[in-house]
Amino acid sequence: MRIIHIAAEFAPIAKAGGRGEVVTGLCRQLSLQHEEVEIIIPKYGFIPDHLLQNLTKEKFEFPCLEASRFHANTMWSAKVENCQLHLLETDHPSGYFQRPQIYGYPDDLAKFLYFSKAALEYLKLRGEKIDILHLHEWHTALCAPLVKEEMAQQLQVRSVIFTIHNLEYQGKCVPKDLDSLGIPGKKYLQPSRLLDNVHADTLNLLKGAIVYSDAITTVSPTYAQEILTPHFGCHLQQTLLQNKQKLQGILNGIDQKLWDPSKDPSIKAHFSADDSLMQIEQAKTANKMVLAKKFGLDMAKRPWIGAVTRLVPQKGPELLEEALHYTIQSEGVFLLLGSSPIDSIQEHFEALKKRYKDHPQVLIQLDYDEPLAHQIYAALDFTLIPSHFEPCGLTQLISMRYGTIPIVRSTGGLKDTVLDYDDYKVPNASRNGFTFSNPKELQAVLQRAFALQKKDLDSFHSLMKRAMQRDSSWKKPAAAYRQLYLTHVPEARQPLYSI
């Protein structure tokens, strides 16, 4: 099959969060299964050319209309992570992609509308048959109605697949935003098309992708069911219910090359699930010592618990703060790495950091640091993920690979991947962490987890070993996506290569 992905991120060269890792992991695994996979992303100015193998100009100065003016674009071709990448560069006067970050700008909406249209203009120029056009998030959602209506006669696309990574972010605009691209905006201002389910005269890009795609995926089975309800549906539950037959949840994997404690260049002491419990514990202790020395933390305190997260309401920052205070009272050490795009939350945690400056039981780092994230995962005993909702979550999967026991809110992908140590309805071999359902249960679940480590170290170590043995690779998810693709392109069926 010829599969084209269009996305805003592709790790490691253009990554703002887990979404970039998901796109890369899926595409790389599909390539290993001998599918013809290509990815289109913007050519961000912060991407160093030396990270792009065989970088060449592919299409020169092809036009894309915006605001009654045609802007010239160049498509570059390169290899990254053994994947065929196409990078869109534009001479647009707004400098859409020539900025230090992917998101966070007032014209993000206009930028990704333009990217979506220009990406399809490029595919139109190529004039080649596409079996699967796979779109990711609201940033590329406009492509679905364009492929199905405006450019249906110009593009040879067999099937459009759309993945919802987080339903909360939907991409809302008005008809004139589409008019600017030469698309009749008012045409889509209908309940059966892109009309927002709450705001009149507003177009909802993510809703349009739900309506126009041939299949919709979310990043975990539980989240696929949750978003059909008013509590999790973000006002799109009715649209999703109307398209329920197209909806499927496929659990994410993680990049086990990037997150590999046996070879991780960012950590001091290496270990793997094949090591003895004594070797694993010795390595994690050595990794604790590195952070203790660097940040003045107390090595004698236990447990070490923390979080690597974005500080946004979804992630339960108020529960992280509650856990910090409880950990101090419990004679443990709490480590927090993350930042917030929301000024009030960032300022609150800046004040918290100042309050606990030089405290031997607290580390708060509010500037994301990738090597430090690896070091924290390798040192912690527990990771706390108290999200109010979580489409999938990669943190718990990474934590388990590093022998760090997850303590999670039982929702979305967290519910699908973490099974409670004390849940006797679950086989003992499948239990790999601690879960709670209600924020009021936070201290109780922390107490259970801390008590296990303190009073029954053998059971704690066995739990740690089980967590490390969980298969979080992309093999099963990629096989599920491939099967989904084949339901829409059945003549492409062939034996699945074993990798």
Protein backbone atom coordinates (compact mmCIF):
# COMPACT_ATOMS: atom_id res chain seq x y z
CA MET A 1 0.00 0.00 0.00
CA ARG A 2 1.03 3.58 -0.59
CA ILE A 3 0.39 5.41 2.69
CA ILE A 4 0.81 9.17 3.12
CA HIS A 5 0.78 10.71 6.59
CA ILE A 6 0.28 14.45 7.06
CA ALA A 7 1.17 15.77 10.50
CA ALA A 8 2.45 18.79 12.39
CA GLU A 9 5.14 16.82 14.23
CA PHE A 10 7.70 14.11 13.58
CA ALA A 11 10.14 13.11 16.32
CA PRO A 12 12.91 13.71 16.98
CA ILE A 13 13.34 16.63 14.55
CA ALA A 14 9.97 18.33 15.19
CA LYS A 15 8.51 17.35 18.53
CA ALA A 16 6.42 19.29 21.03
CA GLY A 17 5.02 16.30 22.90
CA GLY A 18 4.02 12.68 22.56
CA ARG A 19 2.22 13.23 19.24
CA GLY A 20 5.52 13.52 17.37
CA GLU A 21 6.76 10.23 18.82
CA VAL A 22 3.51 8.49 17.89
CA VAL A 23 3.70 9.54 14.23
CA THR A 24 7.33 8.48 14.00
CA GLY A 25 6.84 5.15 15.77
CA LEU A 26 3.88 4.16 13.61
CA CYS A 27 5.47 5.19 10.33
CA ARG A 28 8.76 3.49 11.10
CA GLN A 29 7.06 0.23 12.03
CA LEU A 30 4.87 0.30 8.91
CA SER A 31 8.02 0.80 6.83
CA LEU A 32 9.56 -2.23 8.54
CA GLN A 33 6.47 -4.16 7.44
CA HIS A 34 7.42 -3.25 3.84
CA GLU A 35 4.64 -0.74 3.28
CA GLU A 36 5.33 2.33 1.14
CA VAL A 37 5.09 5.08 3.76
CA GLU A 38 5.71 8.82 3.35
CA ILE A 39 5.21 11.69 5.79
CA ILE A 40 4.56 15.37 5.07
CA ILE A 41 5.39 17.97 7.74
CA PRO A 42 6.35 21.66 7.66
CA LYS A 43 10.04 22.48 7.22
CA TYR A 44 10.44 24.30 10.50
CA GLY A 45 13.30 26.74 10.71
CA PHE A 46 14.64 25.14 13.88
CA ILE A 47 15.30 21.77 12.18
CA PRO A 48 19.07 21.47 11.54
CA ASP A 49 19.78 20.29 8.01
CA HIS A 50 22.40 17.85 9.28
CA LEU A 51 19.61 15.77 10.86
CA LEU A 52 18.00 15.31 7.43
CA GLN A 53 19.67 12.55 5.44
CA ASN A 54 19.80 12.92 1.64
CA LEU A 55 18.12 16.33 1.81
CA THR A 56 17.09 17.42 -1.67
CA LYS A 57 14.67 19.86 -3.25
CA GLU A 58 11.81 17.89 -4.71
CA LYS A 59 9.27 20.43 -6.01
CA PHE A 60 10.20 24.02 -6.72
CA GLU A 61 8.02 27.07 -6.11
CA PHE A 62 4.60 25.51 -6.56
CA PRO A 63 1.79 27.92 -5.66
CA CYS A 64 -0.77 27.96 -2.88
CA LEU A 65 -3.41 30.65 -2.62
CA GLU A 66 -3.98 32.70 0.52
CA ALA A 67 -5.64 36.13 0.83
CA SER A 68 -5.93 36.68 -2.94
CA ARG A 69 -2.24 36.02 -3.44
CA PHE A 70 -0.33 32.97 -4.58
CA HIS A 71 2.66 32.11 -2.39
CA ALA A 72 5.55 30.00 -3.63
CA ASN A 73 6.38 26.77 -1.81
CA THR A 74 9.21 24.28 -2.05
CA MET A 75 8.92 20.66 -1.00
CA TRP A 76 12.09 19.05 0.29
CA SER A 77 12.72 15.33 0.55
CA ALA A 78 14.82 13.64 3.22
CA LYS A 79 15.28 10.45 5.23
CA VAL A 80 14.73 10.58 8.99
CA GLU A 81 14.48 7.52 11.26
CA ASN A 82 14.50 5.38 8.11
CA CYS A 83 11.30 7.11 7.00
CA GLN A 84 10.69 9.04 3.77
CA LEU A 85 9.94 12.58 4.82
CA HIS A 86 8.66 15.53 2.78
CA LEU A 87 9.14 18.97 4.32
CA LEU A 88 7.11 21.96 3.14
CA GLU A 89 8.95 25.28 2.96
CA THR A 90 7.09 28.46 2.09
CA ASP A 91 8.12 32.04 1.37
CA HIS A 92 4.91 33.26 3.03
CA PRO A 93 5.47 36.78 4.43
CA SER A 94 4.22 35.70 7.86
CA GLY A 95 7.15 33.31 8.21
CA TYR A 96 4.77 30.57 9.33
CA PHE A 97 7.44 27.92 9.92
CA GLN A 98 10.45 30.11 10.67
CA ARG A 99 9.93 30.24 14.42
CA PRO A 100 11.60 28.64 17.45
CA GLN A 101 8.54 26.53 18.39
CA ILE A 102 5.82 24.58 16.61
CA TYR A 103 2.85 25.97 18.54
CA GLY A 104 1.88 28.94 20.66
CA TYR A 105 1.46 31.73 18.09
CA PRO A 106 -1.61 33.90 17.38
CA ASP A 107 -1.72 32.70 13.77
CA ASP A 108 -1.41 28.97 14.50
CA LEU A 109 -4.82 28.40 12.92
CA ALA A 110 -3.94 30.23 9.69
CA LYS A 111 -0.56 28.52 9.61
CA PHE A 112 -1.95 24.99 9.71
CA LEU A 113 -4.83 25.78 7.35
CA TYR A 114 -2.23 26.95 4.86
CA PHE A 115 -0.03 23.89 5.50
CA SER A 116 -2.97 21.53 4.90
CA LYS A 117 -3.90 23.17 1.59
CA ALA A 118 -0.28 23.40 0.40
CA ALA A 119 0.38 19.74 1.27
CA LEU A 120 -2.54 18.70 -0.94
CA GLU A 121 -1.38 21.02 -3.74
CA TYR A 122 1.91 19.13 -3.63
CA LEU A 123 0.18 15.75 -3.79
CA LYS A 124 -1.93 17.03 -6.70
CA LEU A 125 1.24 17.93 -8.59
CA ARG A 126 2.62 14.44 -8.08
CA GLY A 127 -0.54 12.96 -9.54
CA GLU A 128 0.04 9.52 -8.03
CA LYS A 129 -2.47 7.10 -6.57
CA ILE A 130 -2.65 7.14 -2.76
CA ASP A 131 -4.14 4.13 -1.03
CA ILE A 132 -4.31 5.68 2.46
CA LEU A 133 -4.12 9.34 3.42
CA HIS A 134 -3.61 9.35 7.18
CA LEU A 135 -4.24 12.68 8.94
CA HIS A 136 -3.31 13.60 12.50
CA GLU A 137 -5.15 16.04 14.79
CA TRP A 138 -6.90 19.30 13.93
CA HIS A 139 -3.75 20.71 12.33
CA THR A 140 -4.34 18.59 9.22
CA ALA A 141 -8.10 17.98 9.60
CA LEU A 142 -8.99 20.34 6.74
CA CYS A 143 -7.47 17.85 4.33
CA ALA A 144 -10.40 15.45 4.80
CA PRO A 145 -13.18 17.67 3.37
CA LEU A 146 -10.81 19.00 0.70
CA VAL A 147 -9.95 15.51 -0.49
CA LYS A 148 -13.58 14.42 -0.47
CA GLU A 149 -15.08 17.53 -2.08
CA GLU A 150 -12.96 20.42 -3.34
CA MET A 151 -10.11 18.32 -4.79
CA ALA A 152 -11.87 15.00 -5.28
CA GLN A 153 -11.33 15.07 -9.06
CA GLN A 154 -7.67 16.08 -8.76
CA LEU A 155 -6.43 13.65 -6.12
CA GLN A 156 -6.44 9.87 -6.39
CA VAL A 157 -7.03 9.03 -2.72
CA ARG A 158 -8.61 5.68 -1.95
CA SER A 159 -9.31 6.22 1.74
CA VAL A 160 -8.86 8.91 4.41
CA ILE A 161 -7.98 7.89 7.97
CA PHE A 162 -8.05 10.46 10.76
CA THR A 163 -6.45 10.01 14.18
CA ILE A 164 -7.70 11.95 17.19
CA HIS A 165 -4.78 12.31 19.59
CA ASN A 166 -6.70 14.63 21.94
CA LEU A 167 -10.31 15.64 21.30
CA GLU A 168 -9.98 18.77 23.44
CA TYR A 169 -8.07 20.58 20.70
CA GLN A 170 -10.38 21.06 17.71
CA GLY A 171 -9.26 23.94 15.50
CA LYS A 172 -12.12 26.42 15.21
CA CYS A 173 -12.34 29.08 12.53
CA VAL A 174 -14.87 31.08 10.52
CA PRO A 175 -15.90 30.79 6.84
CA LYS A 176 -13.66 33.65 5.73
CA ASP A 177 -10.62 31.67 6.92
CA LEU A 178 -11.42 29.06 4.29
CA ASP A 179 -12.40 31.72 1.75
CA SER A 180 -8.86 33.05 2.10
CA LEU A 181 -7.56 29.74 0.72
CA GLY A 182 -10.00 29.73 -2.19
CA ILE A 183 -12.38 27.36 -0.41
CA PRO A 184 -16.08 28.33 -0.14
CA GLY A 185 -16.34 28.62 3.64
CA LYS A 186 -20.11 29.09 3.89
CA LYS A 187 -20.63 25.85 2.02
CA TYR A 188 -19.35 24.01 5.08
CA LEU A 189 -21.38 26.00 7.61
CA GLN A 190 -23.90 23.16 7.96
CA PRO A 191 -24.53 20.70 10.82
CA SER A 192 -23.76 17.77 8.50
CA ARG A 193 -20.41 19.30 7.55
CA LEU A 194 -18.16 21.55 9.66
CA LEU A 195 -20.61 23.71 11.63
CA ASP A 196 -19.48 23.74 15.25
CA ASN A 197 -21.87 22.03 17.63
CA VAL A 198 -21.81 24.94 20.11
CA HIS A 199 -20.91 28.21 18.41
CA ALA A 200 -22.97 29.61 15.55
CA ASP A 201 -21.17 30.77 12.40
CA THR A 202 -18.10 28.78 13.49
CA LEU A 203 -16.37 25.98 11.60
CA ASN A 204 -14.86 23.10 13.53
CA LEU A 205 -11.97 21.49 11.65
CA LEU A 206 -11.80 18.38 13.78
CA LYS A 207 -15.53 17.81 13.34
CA GLY A 208 -15.00 18.06 9.59
CA ALA A 209 -12.39 15.32 9.70
CA ILE A 210 -14.75 13.10 11.70
CA VAL A 211 -17.52 13.63 9.15
CA TYR A 212 -15.46 13.27 5.98
CA SER A 213 -12.93 10.56 6.90
CA ASP A 214 -13.51 6.93 6.02
CA ALA A 215 -12.19 5.77 9.39
CA ILE A 216 -11.44 7.49 12.69
CA THR A 217 -8.99 6.23 15.28
CA THR A 218 -8.18 7.31 18.79
CA VAL A 219 -5.04 6.36 20.64
CA SER A 220 -6.59 3.88 23.09
CA PRO A 221 -9.70 1.68 23.20
CA THR A 222 -11.06 3.19 26.42
CA TYR A 223 -10.72 6.74 25.12
CA ALA A 224 -12.64 5.71 21.98
CA GLN A 225 -15.56 4.80 24.24
CA GLU A 226 -15.19 7.76 26.60
CA ILE A 227 -15.46 10.38 23.87
CA LEU A 228 -18.93 9.12 22.99
CA THR A 229 -20.15 10.52 26.33
CA PRO A 230 -20.94 14.14 27.30
CA HIS A 231 -18.27 14.11 30.02
CA PHE A 232 -15.40 13.39 27.63
CA GLY A 233 -16.91 14.31 24.25
CA CYS A 234 -15.95 18.01 24.27
CA HIS A 235 -19.31 18.81 22.59
CA LEU A 236 -18.55 16.43 19.71
CA GLN A 237 -20.08 13.30 21.25
CA GLN A 238 -23.19 13.52 19.06
CA THR A 239 -21.10 13.79 15.90
CA LEU A 240 -18.99 10.86 17.06
CA LEU A 241 -22.07 8.79 17.88
CA GLN A 242 -23.38 9.46 14.37
CA ASN A 243 -20.06 8.18 13.01
CA LYS A 244 -19.52 5.45 15.61
CA GLN A 245 -19.23 2.74 12.97
CA LYS A 246 -16.04 4.42 11.72
CA LEU A 247 -14.46 4.76 15.18
CA GLN A 248 -11.75 2.48 16.56
CA GLY A 249 -9.30 2.78 19.46
CA ILE A 250 -5.75 1.56 18.83
CA LEU A 251 -3.34 1.80 21.74
CA ASN A 252 -0.11 3.72 21.13
CA GLY A 253 3.33 2.23 21.47
CA ILE A 254 6.54 3.98 22.44
CA ASP A 255 9.84 4.41 20.65
CA GLN A 256 11.82 1.64 22.34
CA LYS A 257 14.97 2.83 20.65
CA LEU A 258 14.65 6.29 22.18
CA TRP A 259 13.46 4.98 25.55
CA ASP A 260 15.90 2.15 26.23
CA PRO A 261 17.46 1.98 29.73
CA SER A 262 20.02 -0.56 28.51
CA LYS A 263 21.58 1.95 26.08
CA ASP A 264 20.23 5.38 27.04
CA PRO A 265 23.12 7.85 26.62
CA SER A 266 21.51 10.29 29.07
CA ILE A 267 21.71 8.02 32.12
CA LYS A 268 24.72 6.88 34.14
CA ALA A 269 23.83 3.28 34.99
CA HIS A 270 22.21 1.04 32.39
CA PHE A 271 19.84 -1.87 33.02
CA SER A 272 17.18 -3.94 31.27
CA ALA A 273 14.29 -6.28 31.99
CA ASP A 274 16.69 -9.21 31.46
CA ASP A 275 18.87 -8.15 34.40
CA SER A 276 18.45 -9.52 37.89
CA LEU A 277 16.41 -7.55 40.40
CA MET A 278 19.62 -6.77 42.28
CA GLN A 279 21.26 -5.36 39.13
CA ILE A 280 18.20 -3.24 38.33
CA GLU A 281 18.00 -1.87 41.87
CA GLN A 282 21.73 -1.08 41.91
CA ALA A 283 21.45 0.77 38.59
CA LYS A 284 18.44 2.79 39.73
CA THR A 285 20.26 3.69 42.95
CA ALA A 286 23.25 4.88 40.94
CA ASN A 287 20.94 7.02 38.81
CA LYS A 288 19.40 8.49 41.96
CA MET A 289 22.87 9.41 43.18
CA VAL A 290 23.51 11.45 40.02
CA LEU A 291 20.41 13.58 40.60
CA ALA A 292 21.00 13.77 44.35
CA LYS A 293 24.49 15.16 43.81
CA LYS A 294 23.43 17.56 41.04
CA PHE A 295 20.36 18.99 42.81
CA GLY A 296 21.12 18.47 46.49
CA LEU A 297 18.51 15.78 47.08
CA ASP A 298 18.50 13.41 50.05
CA MET A 299 19.55 9.91 49.00
CA ALA A 300 18.40 8.46 52.31
CA LYS A 301 14.76 9.37 51.69
CA ARG A 302 12.32 6.95 50.08
CA PRO A 303 10.31 6.72 47.95
CA TRP A 304 11.39 8.81 44.99
CA ILE A 305 8.26 9.78 43.11
CA GLY A 306 7.66 12.37 40.42
CA ALA A 307 6.14 13.47 37.15
CA VAL A 308 7.36 14.46 33.70
CA THR A 309 4.42 16.34 32.25
CA ARG A 310 2.87 19.42 30.70
CA LEU A 311 1.29 21.53 33.43
CA VAL A 312 -2.17 21.99 31.91
CA PRO A 313 -5.59 21.41 33.53
CA GLN A 314 -5.96 18.03 31.81
CA LYS A 315 -2.91 16.69 33.64
CA GLY A 316 -4.21 17.49 37.13
CA PRO A 317 -1.55 19.97 38.30
CA GLU A 318 -3.46 20.54 41.57
CA LEU A 319 -3.13 16.80 42.29
CA LEU A 320 0.59 16.90 41.55
CA GLU A 321 0.95 19.65 44.14
CA GLU A 322 -1.08 17.68 46.66
CA ALA A 323 1.15 14.66 46.05
CA LEU A 324 4.26 16.79 46.52
CA HIS A 325 3.13 17.86 49.99
CA TYR A 326 2.11 14.31 50.93
CA THR A 327 5.45 12.93 49.76
CA ILE A 328 7.37 15.39 51.95
CA GLN A 329 5.26 14.37 54.95
CA SER A 330 5.92 10.72 54.10
CA GLU A 331 9.70 11.24 54.13
CA GLY A 332 10.01 10.79 50.36
CA VAL A 333 11.47 12.82 47.50
CA PHE A 334 9.32 14.45 44.81
CA LEU A 335 10.67 15.42 41.36
CA LEU A 336 8.68 17.48 38.86
CA LEU A 337 9.78 18.27 35.32
CA GLY A 338 7.43 20.25 33.12
CA SER A 339 6.13 23.64 32.11
CA SER A 340 2.83 25.29 31.31
CA PRO A 341 1.65 27.39 28.36
CA ILE A 342 -0.90 28.91 30.75
CA ASP A 343 0.58 31.90 32.55
CA SER A 344 -1.38 31.47 35.79
CA ILE A 345 -0.31 27.83 36.17
CA GLN A 346 3.29 28.56 35.26
CA GLU A 347 3.42 31.42 37.78
CA HIS A 348 1.89 29.22 40.48
CA PHE A 349 4.54 26.55 40.01
CA GLU A 350 7.29 29.17 39.81
CA ALA A 351 6.18 30.30 43.27
CA LEU A 352 6.14 26.66 44.44
CA LYS A 353 9.65 26.21 43.09
CA LYS A 354 10.81 29.29 44.98
CA ARG A 355 9.15 28.03 48.16
CA TYR A 356 11.00 24.71 47.97
CA LYS A 357 14.31 26.04 46.69
CA ASP A 358 17.21 23.93 48.03
CA HIS A 359 14.77 21.60 49.81
CA PRO A 360 16.41 18.13 50.00
CA GLN A 361 13.10 16.42 49.24
CA VAL A 362 11.94 18.48 46.27
CA LEU A 363 13.11 19.16 42.72
CA ILE A 364 10.97 21.38 40.51
CA GLN A 365 12.30 22.11 37.02
CA LEU A 366 9.99 24.23 34.88
CA ASP A 367 11.97 24.26 31.63
CA TYR A 368 11.69 21.00 29.72
CA ASP A 369 15.01 19.21 29.50
CA GLU A 370 15.04 16.00 27.43
CA PRO A 371 18.19 14.41 28.97
CA LEU A 372 16.88 15.23 32.45
CA ALA A 373 13.58 13.54 31.60
CA HIS A 374 15.49 10.34 30.83
CA GLN A 375 17.48 10.66 34.07
CA ILE A 376 14.33 11.13 36.12
CA TYR A 377 12.59 8.10 34.62
CA ALA A 378 15.69 6.01 35.37
CA ALA A 379 15.90 7.18 38.99
CA LEU A 380 12.29 7.26 40.21
CA ASP A 381 10.54 4.51 42.13
CA PHE A 382 7.09 5.79 41.12
CA THR A 383 5.65 8.07 38.43
CA LEU A 384 2.41 9.90 39.20
CA ILE A 385 -0.05 10.55 36.35
CA PRO A 386 -3.24 12.02 37.86
CA SER A 387 -4.80 13.17 34.57
CA HIS A 388 -8.48 14.08 34.57
CA PHE A 389 -8.57 12.47 31.13
CA GLU A 390 -5.84 10.86 29.08
CA PRO A 391 -6.32 9.74 25.45
CA CYS A 392 -3.38 7.35 25.75
CA GLY A 393 -0.39 8.65 27.65
CA LEU A 394 3.18 7.68 26.92
CA THR A 395 4.57 8.55 30.34
CA GLN A 396 3.29 5.40 32.02
CA LEU A 397 4.69 3.24 29.18
CA ILE A 398 8.10 4.91 29.37
CA SER A 399 8.09 4.66 33.17
CA MET A 400 7.46 0.94 33.14
CA ARG A 401 10.27 0.38 30.67
CA TYR A 402 12.60 2.13 33.15
CA GLY A 403 11.42 0.08 36.12
CA THR A 404 9.40 2.97 37.55
CA ILE A 405 5.98 1.98 38.87
CA PRO A 406 3.11 4.12 37.50
CA ILE A 407 0.44 5.51 39.81
CA VAL A 408 -2.37 6.65 37.52
CA ARG A 409 -5.92 7.93 37.32
CA SER A 410 -8.02 5.15 35.80
CA THR A 411 -9.06 6.83 32.57
CA GLY A 412 -8.41 6.50 28.83
CA GLY A 413 -5.16 4.84 27.86
CA LEU A 414 -4.01 4.83 31.48
CA LYS A 415 -6.85 2.42 32.27
CA ASP A 416 -5.89 0.26 29.29
CA THR A 417 -2.22 -0.06 30.25
CA VAL A 418 -1.93 0.05 34.06
CA LEU A 419 -3.55 -2.66 36.17
CA ASP A 420 -3.65 -2.24 39.94
CA TYR A 421 -1.40 -4.26 42.22
CA ASP A 422 -4.27 -4.93 44.62
CA ASP A 423 -6.90 -5.83 41.99
CA TYR A 424 -7.47 -9.51 42.64
CA LYS A 425 -9.80 -9.79 39.65
CA VAL A 426 -6.70 -9.40 37.47
CA PRO A 427 -4.10 -12.18 37.17
CA ASN A 428 -1.06 -11.39 39.29
CA ALA A 429 1.22 -11.53 36.25
CA SER A 430 -0.72 -8.65 34.64
CA ARG A 431 -0.64 -6.26 37.60
CA ASN A 432 1.92 -3.54 36.92
CA GLY A 433 1.08 -0.42 38.91
CA PHE A 434 -1.43 1.44 41.07
CA THR A 435 -4.68 3.09 39.99
CA PHE A 436 -7.30 5.39 41.47
CA SER A 437 -10.60 6.65 40.11
CA ASN A 438 -11.42 9.75 42.15
CA PRO A 439 -9.16 12.67 43.11
CA LYS A 440 -10.24 12.10 46.72
CA GLU A 441 -8.46 8.73 46.53
CA LEU A 442 -5.06 10.25 45.75
CA GLN A 443 -3.53 10.07 49.21
CA ALA A 444 -4.90 6.56 49.71
CA VAL A 445 -3.28 5.25 46.53
CA LEU A 446 0.00 6.96 47.40
CA GLN A 447 -0.17 5.38 50.84
CA ARG A 448 -0.72 1.92 49.31
CA ALA A 449 2.20 2.33 46.90
CA PHE A 450 4.60 3.73 49.50
CA ALA A 451 3.67 1.00 51.99
CA LEU A 452 4.46 -1.76 49.50
CA GLN A 453 7.97 -0.46 48.95
CA LYS A 454 8.56 0.10 52.67
CA LYS A 455 7.04 -3.09 54.08
CA ASP A 456 7.37 -5.67 51.30
CA LEU A 457 10.41 -4.90 49.19
CA ASP A 458 10.37 -8.30 47.49
CA SER A 459 6.83 -7.74 46.19
CA PHE A 460 7.75 -4.22 45.15
CA HIS A 461 10.71 -5.52 43.15
CA SER A 462 8.54 -8.20 41.52
CA LEU A 463 6.04 -5.52 40.52
CA MET A 464 8.88 -3.45 39.07
CA LYS A 465 10.09 -6.43 37.05
CA ARG A 466 6.59 -7.13 35.67
CA ALA A 467 6.24 -3.51 34.63
CA MET A 468 9.56 -3.66 32.76
CA GLN A 469 8.49 -6.79 30.88
CA ARG A 470 5.42 -5.16 29.35
CA ASP A 471 5.60 -5.00 25.53
CA SER A 472 5.04 -1.35 24.61
CA SER A 473 6.61 -1.56 21.17
CA TRP A 474 4.89 -0.43 17.97
CA LYS A 475 4.56 -3.96 16.55
CA LYS A 476 1.00 -4.65 17.70
CA PRO A 477 -0.34 -1.11 17.11
CA ALA A 478 1.17 -0.97 13.63
CA ALA A 479 -0.34 -4.35 12.79
CA ALA A 480 -3.74 -3.05 13.94
CA TYR A 481 -3.39 0.07 11.76
CA ARG A 482 -2.31 -2.07 8.82
CA GLN A 483 -5.39 -4.25 9.28
CA LEU A 484 -7.55 -1.12 9.35
CA TYR A 485 -5.96 0.11 6.14
CA LEU A 486 -6.60 -3.23 4.48
CA THR A 487 -10.32 -3.06 5.23
CA HIS A 488 -10.37 0.00 2.96
CA VAL A 489 -7.89 -1.31 0.37
CA PRO A 490 -8.60 -5.07 0.47
CA GLU A 491 -6.82 -5.87 -2.80
CA ALA A 492 -3.53 -4.83 -1.16
CA ARG A 493 -3.61 -7.83 1.17
CA GLN A 494 -0.35 -9.71 1.37
CA PRO A 495 1.43 -11.79 4.00
CA LEU A 496 2.44 -9.67 7.02
CA TYR A 497 6.21 -9.69 7.30
CA SER A 498 7.55 -10.77 10.66
CA ILE A 499 10.00 -8.20 11.99
